[in-house]
Amino acid sequence: MSICYHCEKGVMFGRSHTHKRGVAGGRWKKRAPKTQRLFRPNLQKIMIMEDGDAKRVRICMKCLKRVKKDMNDKKMPFLQLFRRTGESVTL
C-alpha cells in the first residue's frame, strides 16, 4: 500500500451514496444504496535530496504544493527537491 513520505497519508475507507428520487406524492420505494469504496491520495513520484543522496519517494500533492510555495516565498522547505541535472534545488 502506498503512503505519503512526509505526512503518511494513505488509503481511507468510506461509502458512496446514490441519491434516488422518490415517486410523486409518496415515499421512496427503496432507500439510497450505500456501497463501500476507497479514497486514494493523490501521490506523485519525485526525487528528493536526503543526506546528500538522491532518493525517489511518493509525496501527496498537498505536501508537494507546500514545498513549492515555501520555495517561491524564499522559506526553507521541509524537503529538498532534486533536479534531473544532478543539482539540488537551492533557495
C-alpha atoms as a PDB file:
ATOM      1  CA  MET A   1       0.000   0.000   0.000  1.00  0.00           C
ATOM      2  CA  SER A   2       1.402   3.416  -0.915  1.00  0.00           C
ATOM      3  CA  ILE A   3       1.524   6.287   1.537  1.00  0.00           C
ATOM      4  CA  CYS A   4       2.934   9.809   1.512  1.00  0.00           C
ATOM      5  CA  TYR A   5       6.601  10.002   2.516  1.00  0.00           C
ATOM      6  CA  HIS A   6       6.122  13.128   4.639  1.00  0.00           C
ATOM      7  CA  CYS A   7       2.625  13.103   6.169  1.00  0.00           C
ATOM      8  CA  GLU A   8       1.918   9.347   5.861  1.00  0.00           C
ATOM      9  CA  LYS A   9      -1.447   9.950   4.212  1.00  0.00           C
ATOM     10  CA  GLY A  10      -2.774   6.677   2.801  1.00  0.00           C
ATOM     11  CA  VAL A  11      -5.885   4.948   1.573  1.00  0.00           C
ATOM     12  CA  MET A  12      -9.066   5.714   3.510  1.00  0.00           C
ATOM     13  CA  PHE A  13     -12.235   3.649   3.518  1.00  0.00           C
ATOM     14  CA  GLY A  14     -15.694   5.104   3.162  1.00  0.00           C
ATOM     15  CA  ARG A  15     -19.055   4.724   1.462  1.00  0.00           C
ATOM     16  CA  SER A  16     -20.509   6.153  -1.705  1.00  0.00           C
ATOM     17  CA  HIS A  17     -24.186   7.073  -1.829  1.00  0.00           C
ATOM     18  CA  THR A  18     -26.511   7.134  -4.799  1.00  0.00           C
ATOM     19  CA  HIS A  19     -29.376   9.512  -4.245  1.00  0.00           C
ATOM     20  CA  LYS A  20     -32.537   8.340  -5.961  1.00  0.00           C
ATOM     21  CA  ARG A  21     -35.659  10.435  -6.232  1.00  0.00           C
ATOM     22  CA  GLY A  22     -38.892   9.108  -4.800  1.00  0.00           C
ATOM     23  CA  VAL A  23     -42.146   8.667  -6.654  1.00  0.00           C
ATOM     24  CA  ALA A  24     -44.517  11.616  -6.894  1.00  0.00           C
ATOM     25  CA  GLY A  25     -46.517  12.193  -3.733  1.00  0.00           C
ATOM     26  CA  GLY A  26     -45.275   9.175  -1.870  1.00  0.00           C
ATOM     27  CA  ARG A  27     -42.408   7.545  -0.076  1.00  0.00           C
ATOM     28  CA  TRP A  28     -39.271   6.251  -1.600  1.00  0.00           C
ATOM     29  CA  LYS A  29     -39.589   2.763  -2.924  1.00  0.00           C
ATOM     30  CA  LYS A  30     -36.020   1.972  -1.923  1.00  0.00           C
ATOM     31  CA  ARG A  31     -33.515   3.587   0.342  1.00  0.00           C
ATOM     32  CA  ALA A  32     -30.465   5.031  -1.338  1.00  0.00           C
ATOM     33  CA  PRO A  33     -27.905   2.185  -1.542  1.00  0.00           C
ATOM     34  CA  LYS A  34     -24.551   2.723   0.104  1.00  0.00           C
ATOM     35  CA  THR A  35     -21.561   0.807  -1.201  1.00  0.00           C
ATOM     36  CA  GLN A  36     -18.053   0.568   0.201  1.00  0.00           C
ATOM     37  CA  ARG A  37     -15.280   2.408  -1.645  1.00  0.00           C
ATOM     38  CA  LEU A  38     -11.667   3.529  -1.270  1.00  0.00           C
ATOM     39  CA  PHE A  39     -10.450   7.118  -1.146  1.00  0.00           C
ATOM     40  CA  ARG A  40      -6.902   7.156  -2.520  1.00  0.00           C
ATOM     41  CA  PRO A  41      -4.467  10.065  -2.003  1.00  0.00           C
ATOM     42  CA  ASN A  42      -3.050  11.957  -4.972  1.00  0.00           C
ATOM     43  CA  LEU A  43       0.538  10.663  -4.776  1.00  0.00           C
ATOM     44  CA  GLN A  44       3.296  11.876  -7.085  1.00  0.00           C
ATOM     45  CA  LYS A  45       6.732  10.322  -7.571  1.00  0.00           C
ATOM     46  CA  ILE A  46       9.500  12.879  -7.060  1.00  0.00           C
ATOM     47  CA  MET A  47      13.231  12.896  -6.413  1.00  0.00           C
ATOM     48  CA  ILE A  48      14.486  14.451  -3.186  1.00  0.00           C
ATOM     49  CA  MET A  49      17.887  15.010  -1.614  1.00  0.00           C
ATOM     50  CA  GLU A  50      18.383  13.214   1.682  1.00  0.00           C
ATOM     51  CA  ASP A  51      21.779  13.059   3.413  1.00  0.00           C
ATOM     52  CA  GLY A  52      23.495  14.009   0.154  1.00  0.00           C
ATOM     53  CA  ASP A  53      21.887  11.196  -1.844  1.00  0.00           C
ATOM     54  CA  ALA A  54      19.084  11.344  -4.386  1.00  0.00           C
ATOM     55  CA  LYS A  55      16.050   9.343  -3.359  1.00  0.00           C
ATOM     56  CA  ARG A  56      12.809   8.644  -5.222  1.00  0.00           C
ATOM     57  CA  VAL A  57       9.743   8.948  -2.972  1.00  0.00           C
ATOM     58  CA  ARG A  58       5.980   9.330  -3.239  1.00  0.00           C
ATOM     59  CA  ILE A  59       4.523  12.561  -1.886  1.00  0.00           C
ATOM     60  CA  CYS A  60       0.893  13.650  -1.766  1.00  0.00           C
ATOM     61  CA  MET A  61       0.012  16.731  -3.761  1.00  0.00           C
ATOM     62  CA  LYS A  62      -0.768  18.743  -0.626  1.00  0.00           C
ATOM     63  CA  CYS A  63       2.808  18.319   0.655  1.00  0.00           C
ATOM     64  CA  LEU A  64       4.305  18.990  -2.786  1.00  0.00           C
ATOM     65  CA  LYS A  65       2.330  22.228  -3.105  1.00  0.00           C
ATOM     66  CA  ARG A  66       3.590  23.259   0.344  1.00  0.00           C
ATOM     67  CA  VAL A  67       7.222  22.650  -0.688  1.00  0.00           C
ATOM     68  CA  LYS A  68       6.806  24.640  -3.911  1.00  0.00           C
ATOM     69  CA  LYS A  69       5.096  27.514  -2.088  1.00  0.00           C
ATOM     70  CA  ASP A  70       7.874  27.642   0.519  1.00  0.00           C
ATOM     71  CA  MET A  71      10.463  27.760  -2.275  1.00  0.00           C
ATOM     72  CA  ASN A  72       8.629  30.621  -4.015  1.00  0.00           C
ATOM     73  CA  ASP A  73       8.346  32.533  -0.712  1.00  0.00           C
ATOM     74  CA  LYS A  74      12.112  32.044  -0.078  1.00  0.00           C
ATOM     75  CA  LYS A  75      11.474  29.936   3.034  1.00  0.00           C
ATOM     76  CA  MET A  76      13.235  26.701   3.951  1.00  0.00           C
ATOM     77  CA  PRO A  77      11.027  23.797   2.772  1.00  0.00           C
ATOM     78  CA  PHE A  78      10.831  20.576   4.770  1.00  0.00           C
ATOM     79  CA  LEU A  79      12.161  18.627   1.722  1.00  0.00           C
ATOM     80  CA  GLN A  80      14.868  19.442  -0.816  1.00  0.00           C
ATOM     81  CA  LEU A  81      13.741  18.634  -4.358  1.00  0.00           C
ATOM     82  CA  PHE A  82      16.266  17.108  -6.752  1.00  0.00           C
ATOM     83  CA  ARG A  83      16.706  18.330 -10.322  1.00  0.00           C
ATOM     84  CA  ARG A  84      17.409  15.977 -13.186  1.00  0.00           C
ATOM     85  CA  THR A  85      20.686  17.767 -13.953  1.00  0.00           C
ATOM     86  CA  GLY A  86      22.104  16.417 -10.697  1.00  0.00           C
ATOM     87  CA  GLU A  87      21.831  19.600  -8.668  1.00  0.00           C
ATOM     88  CA  SER A  88      19.606  20.069  -5.680  1.00  0.00           C
ATOM     89  CA  VAL A  89      17.182  22.971  -5.705  1.00  0.00           C
ATOM     90  CA  THR A  90      18.568  25.920  -3.745  1.00  0.00           C
ATOM     91  CA  LEU A  91      16.731  28.935  -2.443  1.00  0.00           C
END
